[in-house]
Amino acid sequence: MHFEVPVLRRVLESILAFDCGFDQVDVTTALNSLTREDYAKNAPVFRTVIRLGDEPRPNHVYTYKRRPTTAELEALRALYSERGTCFDR
């Protein structure tokens, strides 16, 4: 799966598990492996940690072949804020 824009981890997990049919445990294990130093050196997927809203834990954002731009991260923050007005948590 090659994604062109930054994707929140929870969205990526949902796409892989529910849309593509991968096992949830396998998806979590694979995404967790991206944080290992030995894997991360050769991976075309970058993980960035950001805070969204008032969530107590940081969120992971994944991008393919590049790091996200500041504008993309700000757009994610704005979308997250808008989400709060449209959906219940």
Protein backbone atom coordinates (compact mmCIF):
# COMPACT_ATOMS: atom_id res chain seq x y z
CA MET A 1 0.00 0.00 0.00
CA HIS A 2 1.56 3.28 -1.10
CA PHE A 3 0.00 6.35 0.48
CA GLU A 4 0.83 9.83 -0.75
CA VAL A 5 -0.30 11.84 2.29
CA PRO A 6 0.34 11.45 6.04
CA VAL A 7 -1.98 8.87 7.60
CA LEU A 8 -2.84 8.49 11.28
CA ARG A 9 -1.92 5.09 12.67
CA ARG A 10 -5.48 4.32 13.73
CA VAL A 11 -6.68 4.99 10.18
CA LEU A 12 -3.92 2.84 8.71
CA GLU A 13 -4.78 0.00 11.10
CA SER A 14 -8.46 0.24 10.17
CA ILE A 15 -7.74 0.20 6.44
CA LEU A 16 -5.42 -2.80 6.69
CA ALA A 17 -7.57 -4.80 9.11
CA PHE A 18 -11.12 -3.99 8.07
CA ASP A 19 -10.85 -2.99 4.41
CA CYS A 20 -7.98 -5.24 3.31
CA GLY A 21 -8.72 -8.18 5.64
CA PHE A 22 -5.38 -8.45 7.43
CA ASP A 23 -5.39 -9.86 10.94
CA GLN A 24 -5.51 -7.05 13.53
CA VAL A 25 -2.74 -8.56 15.65
CA ASP A 26 -0.50 -8.91 12.59
CA VAL A 27 -1.19 -5.30 11.59
CA THR A 28 -0.31 -4.02 15.06
CA THR A 29 2.86 -6.13 15.13
CA ALA A 30 3.93 -4.87 11.70
CA LEU A 31 3.33 -1.23 12.58
CA ASN A 32 5.14 -1.64 15.89
CA SER A 33 8.13 -3.09 14.01
CA LEU A 34 8.47 0.23 12.17
CA THR A 35 9.73 1.73 15.42
CA ARG A 36 12.62 -0.73 15.70
CA GLU A 37 15.93 0.90 14.83
CA ASP A 38 17.16 -2.04 12.75
CA TYR A 39 14.03 -1.93 10.59
CA ALA A 40 13.56 1.82 10.43
CA LYS A 41 16.94 2.39 8.75
CA ASN A 42 15.80 0.59 5.58
CA ALA A 43 12.09 1.36 5.62
CA PRO A 44 10.40 3.65 3.11
CA VAL A 45 7.78 4.46 5.76
CA PHE A 46 8.40 7.27 8.25
CA ARG A 47 6.69 7.52 11.63
CA THR A 48 6.12 10.94 13.18
CA VAL A 49 4.67 11.54 16.64
CA ILE A 50 2.27 14.46 17.14
CA ARG A 51 -0.29 15.55 19.71
CA LEU A 52 -3.87 16.07 18.64
CA GLY A 53 -6.40 17.99 20.69
CA ASP A 54 -6.55 17.07 24.33
CA GLU A 55 -5.70 13.39 23.88
CA PRO A 56 -3.39 12.24 26.67
CA ARG A 57 -1.22 10.06 24.42
CA PRO A 58 0.64 11.21 21.31
CA ASN A 59 -0.58 10.04 17.90
CA HIS A 60 1.56 8.33 15.30
CA VAL A 61 1.46 9.57 11.72
CA TYR A 62 2.90 7.49 8.90
CA THR A 63 4.17 8.74 5.56
CA TYR A 64 5.63 6.88 2.60
CA LYS A 65 9.14 7.78 1.31
CA ARG A 66 9.26 11.16 3.06
CA ARG A 67 8.56 12.98 6.29
CA PRO A 68 5.31 14.96 6.55
CA THR A 69 5.45 18.68 5.98
CA THR A 70 4.51 21.16 8.67
CA ALA A 71 1.50 22.18 6.57
CA GLU A 72 0.30 18.57 6.38
CA LEU A 73 0.59 18.12 10.14
CA GLU A 74 -1.27 21.38 10.75
CA ALA A 75 -3.99 20.21 8.34
CA LEU A 76 -4.29 16.95 10.32
CA ARG A 77 -4.66 18.95 13.53
CA ALA A 78 -7.36 21.12 11.94
CA LEU A 79 -9.21 18.07 10.60
CA TYR A 80 -8.99 16.42 14.00
CA SER A 81 -10.54 19.50 15.63
CA GLU A 82 -13.31 19.52 13.03
CA ARG A 83 -13.90 15.81 13.60
CA GLY A 84 -14.73 16.59 17.22
CA THR A 85 -17.63 18.77 16.12
CA CYS A 86 -19.04 16.08 13.81
CA PHE A 87 -18.54 12.76 15.65
CA ASP A 88 -18.87 11.56 19.20
CA ARG A 89 -15.75 9.98 20.62
